Protein backbone atom coordinates (compact mmCIF):
# COMPACT_ATOMS: atom_id res chain seq x y z
CA UNK A 1 -45.48 3.81 -6.54
CA UNK A 2 -47.18 6.99 -7.28
CA UNK A 3 -47.65 9.14 -4.62
CA UNK A 4 -50.97 9.71 -3.54
CA UNK A 5 -52.47 13.22 -4.97
CA UNK A 6 -49.92 13.14 -7.13
CA UNK A 7 -51.68 12.19 -9.94
CA UNK A 8 -53.59 14.85 -9.89
CA UNK A 9 -51.01 16.68 -11.67
CA UNK A 10 -51.43 14.97 -14.72
CA UNK A 11 -53.90 16.06 -17.57
CA UNK A 12 -56.35 13.28 -18.16
CA UNK A 13 -55.91 12.47 -21.64
CA UNK A 14 -59.23 13.39 -22.76
CA UNK A 15 -58.83 17.08 -21.82
CA UNK A 16 -55.96 17.28 -24.15
CA UNK A 17 -56.50 19.27 -27.44
CA UNK A 18 -57.16 16.62 -30.20
CA UNK A 19 -55.44 19.82 -32.58
CA UNK A 20 -52.43 19.46 -30.42
CA UNK A 21 -52.00 15.48 -30.49
CA UNK A 22 -52.47 15.65 -34.38
CA UNK A 23 -49.72 18.63 -34.28
CA UNK A 24 -47.57 16.27 -31.97
CA UNK A 25 -48.18 13.70 -34.49
CA UNK A 26 -47.42 15.51 -37.74
CA UNK A 27 -44.11 16.53 -36.07
CA UNK A 28 -43.61 13.45 -35.36
CA UNK A 29 -44.03 12.53 -39.06
CA UNK A 30 -41.86 15.09 -39.96
CA UNK A 31 -39.48 13.66 -38.79
CA UNK A 32 -38.88 10.43 -39.81
CA UNK A 33 -39.60 12.34 -43.37
CA UNK A 34 -35.95 14.17 -42.41
CA UNK A 35 -34.60 10.93 -41.39
CA UNK A 36 -35.78 9.19 -44.71
CA UNK A 37 -34.74 11.89 -46.49
CA UNK A 38 -31.73 12.01 -45.00
CA UNK A 39 -31.03 8.25 -45.35
CA UNK A 40 -31.82 8.25 -48.86
CA UNK A 41 -29.08 11.13 -49.82
CA UNK A 42 -26.21 9.38 -48.02
CA UNK A 43 -26.87 6.17 -49.75
CA UNK A 44 -26.30 8.47 -52.69
CA UNK A 45 -23.14 10.23 -52.00
CA UNK A 46 -21.97 7.73 -51.20
CA UNK A 47 -22.97 5.54 -54.48
CA UNK A 48 -21.96 8.43 -56.43
CA UNK A 49 -18.56 8.63 -54.23
CA UNK A 50 -17.92 5.01 -55.43
CA UNK A 51 -19.18 5.57 -59.10
CA UNK A 52 -16.16 8.35 -58.98
CA UNK A 53 -13.54 5.74 -58.16
CA UNK A 54 -15.01 3.12 -60.27
CA UNK A 55 -14.88 5.79 -63.07
CA UNK A 56 -11.06 7.18 -62.27
CA UNK A 57 -9.63 3.18 -61.70
CA UNK A 58 -11.06 2.54 -65.38
CA UNK A 59 -9.07 6.14 -66.79
CA UNK A 60 -5.83 4.83 -64.83
CA UNK A 61 -6.11 1.61 -66.61
CA UNK A 62 -7.42 3.01 -69.97
CA UNK A 63 -4.25 5.35 -69.15
CA UNK A 64 -2.02 2.75 -68.56
CA UNK A 65 -2.54 0.66 -71.99
CA UNK A 66 -2.56 3.58 -74.47
CA UNK A 67 0.95 3.97 -73.07
CA UNK A 68 4.12 3.56 -74.80
CA UNK A 69 7.55 3.53 -73.61
CA UNK A 70 11.33 2.82 -74.51
CA UNK A 71 12.30 -0.55 -74.75
CA UNK A 72 16.25 -0.16 -72.41
CA UNK A 73 16.85 2.33 -70.51
CA UNK A 74 19.87 2.95 -71.80
CA UNK A 75 21.45 2.22 -75.48
CA UNK A 76 22.84 3.18 -78.81
CA UNK A 77 21.33 2.96 -81.03
CA UNK A 78 23.40 1.40 -84.68
CA UNK A 79 20.64 0.16 -87.35
CA UNK A 80 18.17 1.92 -89.20
CA UNK A 81 14.88 1.32 -90.65
CA UNK A 82 15.31 0.78 -94.59
CA UNK A 83 17.41 -0.76 -97.50
CA UNK A 84 20.37 -2.44 -96.07
CA UNK A 85 22.38 -4.76 -97.99
CA UNK A 86 20.01 -4.96 -101.40
CA UNK A 87 17.19 -5.79 -99.09
CA UNK A 88 14.66 -4.55 -96.70
CA UNK A 89 16.28 -4.28 -92.65
CA UNK A 90 13.07 -4.02 -91.45
CA UNK A 91 13.42 -2.43 -87.76
CA UNK A 92 16.04 -1.17 -85.56
CA UNK A 93 18.60 -1.97 -83.92
CA UNK A 94 19.51 -0.96 -80.23
CA UNK A 95 22.77 -1.50 -78.79
CA UNK A 96 23.37 -2.96 -75.35
CA UNK A 97 24.98 -5.27 -72.73
CA UNK A 98 24.51 -9.12 -73.04
CA UNK A 99 21.43 -10.04 -70.49
CA UNK A 100 20.32 -6.79 -70.26
CA UNK A 101 16.64 -7.20 -69.67
CA UNK A 102 14.06 -4.89 -71.80
CA UNK A 103 10.36 -4.46 -71.52
CA UNK A 104 7.78 -4.08 -73.73
CA UNK A 105 6.62 -1.03 -75.30
CA UNK A 106 3.56 -1.03 -75.18
CA UNK A 107 0.49 -3.11 -73.71
CA UNK A 108 -0.65 -6.57 -75.53
CA UNK A 109 -0.46 -9.75 -76.10
CA UNK A 110 2.21 -12.65 -76.38
CA UNK A 111 1.84 -14.33 -79.65
CA UNK A 112 5.03 -15.81 -80.01
CA UNK A 113 8.06 -16.78 -77.75
CA UNK A 114 10.91 -18.62 -78.63
CA UNK A 115 13.43 -19.22 -81.02
CA UNK A 116 12.48 -18.08 -84.50
CA UNK A 117 15.12 -19.14 -87.81
CA UNK A 118 16.75 -15.87 -88.42
CA UNK A 119 15.00 -13.35 -85.61
CA UNK A 120 16.50 -16.00 -82.37
CA UNK A 121 15.04 -15.91 -79.43
CA UNK A 122 12.15 -13.60 -79.62
CA UNK A 123 9.12 -12.02 -78.49
CA UNK A 124 5.83 -11.13 -80.33
CA UNK A 125 3.60 -8.60 -78.65
CA UNK A 126 0.09 -8.05 -80.45
CA UNK A 127 -1.87 -4.71 -79.51
CA UNK A 128 -5.82 -4.32 -79.45
CA UNK A 129 -5.67 -2.96 -82.44
CA UNK A 130 -3.74 -5.65 -84.28
CA UNK A 131 -0.60 -4.03 -84.16
CA UNK A 132 2.71 -6.15 -83.95
CA UNK A 133 5.98 -5.45 -82.03
CA UNK A 134 8.66 -8.04 -82.42
CA UNK A 135 11.73 -8.03 -80.34
CA UNK A 136 14.64 -10.48 -82.28
CA UNK A 137 18.29 -11.62 -81.38
CA UNK A 138 17.22 -12.29 -77.63
CA UNK A 139 19.49 -13.83 -74.88
CA UNK A 140 16.79 -15.20 -73.33
CA UNK A 141 12.23 -14.40 -73.31
CA UNK A 142 11.57 -14.48 -70.19
CA UNK A 143 7.02 -14.58 -71.21
CA UNK A 144 4.73 -17.00 -73.14
CA UNK A 145 2.59 -17.34 -75.29
CA UNK A 146 -0.27 -16.31 -74.65
CA UNK A 147 0.61 -13.84 -71.56
CA UNK A 148 -1.02 -10.21 -71.53
CA UNK A 149 2.12 -8.10 -71.37
CA UNK A 150 2.36 -4.42 -69.62
CA UNK A 151 3.69 -1.40 -70.94
CA UNK A 152 7.74 -1.36 -68.83
CA UNK A 153 7.15 -5.22 -68.47
CA UNK A 154 10.26 -6.30 -68.71
CA UNK A 155 10.03 -9.23 -71.39
CA UNK A 156 13.46 -10.57 -72.82
CA UNK A 157 17.26 -10.27 -72.01
CA UNK A 158 19.45 -8.77 -74.84
CA UNK A 159 21.08 -11.14 -76.41
CA UNK A 160 23.17 -11.89 -79.92
CA UNK A 161 21.13 -15.11 -81.12
CA UNK A 162 20.02 -15.87 -84.81
CA UNK A 163 21.22 -13.82 -87.76
CA UNK A 164 23.14 -10.97 -85.54
CA UNK A 165 26.46 -9.45 -85.40
CA UNK A 166 26.54 -8.72 -82.43
CA UNK A 167 24.77 -7.57 -78.65
CA UNK A 168 21.85 -5.90 -79.26
CA UNK A 169 17.59 -5.68 -79.76
CA UNK A 170 16.10 -5.63 -83.29
CA UNK A 171 12.67 -3.71 -83.51
CA UNK A 172 10.40 -4.24 -85.53
CA UNK A 173 6.85 -2.51 -85.89
CA UNK A 174 4.23 -4.38 -88.06
CA UNK A 175 0.47 -2.60 -89.09
CA UNK A 176 -1.56 -4.14 -91.20
CA UNK A 177 0.98 -7.45 -91.67
CA UNK A 178 3.54 -4.86 -93.24
CA UNK A 179 7.41 -3.68 -91.06
CA UNK A 180 6.88 0.20 -91.09
CA UNK A 181 9.68 2.47 -89.69
CA UNK A 182 9.92 2.49 -85.92
CA UNK A 183 11.29 5.85 -85.34
CA UNK A 184 8.54 7.94 -86.73
CA UNK A 185 5.81 5.72 -85.31
CA UNK A 186 7.12 5.77 -82.13
CA UNK A 187 7.14 9.49 -81.84
CA UNK A 188 4.18 10.09 -83.08
CA UNK A 189 3.08 8.09 -79.68
CA UNK A 190 5.56 9.82 -77.55
CA UNK A 191 8.47 7.91 -77.76
CA UNK A 192 12.01 9.06 -79.18
CA UNK A 193 14.44 6.63 -80.18
CA UNK A 194 16.95 8.31 -81.17
CA UNK A 195 17.39 10.87 -78.44
CA UNK A 196 15.72 8.34 -75.89
CA UNK A 197 13.07 10.11 -74.12
CA UNK A 198 9.98 8.81 -73.96
CA UNK A 199 6.88 11.79 -72.84
CA UNK A 200 6.10 12.58 -69.20
CA UNK A 201 2.48 11.76 -69.51
CA UNK A 202 4.00 7.90 -70.73
CA UNK A 203 6.74 7.75 -67.71
CA UNK A 204 3.42 8.67 -65.12
CA UNK A 205 0.62 6.45 -66.86
CA UNK A 206 2.64 3.43 -66.17
CA UNK A 207 4.09 4.43 -62.47
CA UNK A 208 0.49 4.68 -62.11
CA UNK A 209 -0.48 1.59 -63.53
């Protein structure tokens, strides 16, 4: 209820200057536009943040996929790549106690896993560029054909199966279907077999994955 006489305190709407009304409408419109612009900016900012996070994730995944690591934490280098007993010894031998786990030195797809003639129980991992890494004379293989593995993932146990004369891991690297010396090949990728070191970057990238 409005008190008698109170209405006289309110101006007649007809008496209000049209320019004042237009100014109020314009101010209201400007405020709405500012709110809309701020909302658009916030959405754009959130979108940029999501894009940045996505790019960081992709970069981390790419870095992890490019990592090369040592296959065993502790080992004794016992045999090099080259001619031995009149024939090519197509890889290197790393002695370690039987049952010690060994890891994939690079990411790739398992294309062979199981008993394979003179290699004994062995694993072959094919990298994205077609390079193949063979891990031979295993006591046991822990992966299956078709499985995708990451650098640093345990894939088998050191053994003495096949044409082997002592417990060790025989490691071969094939490029274009032909074996190459793993020592310089891995050194070019930050892994020094003889010094038993891998690049700091490689270790950090693997940990991030």
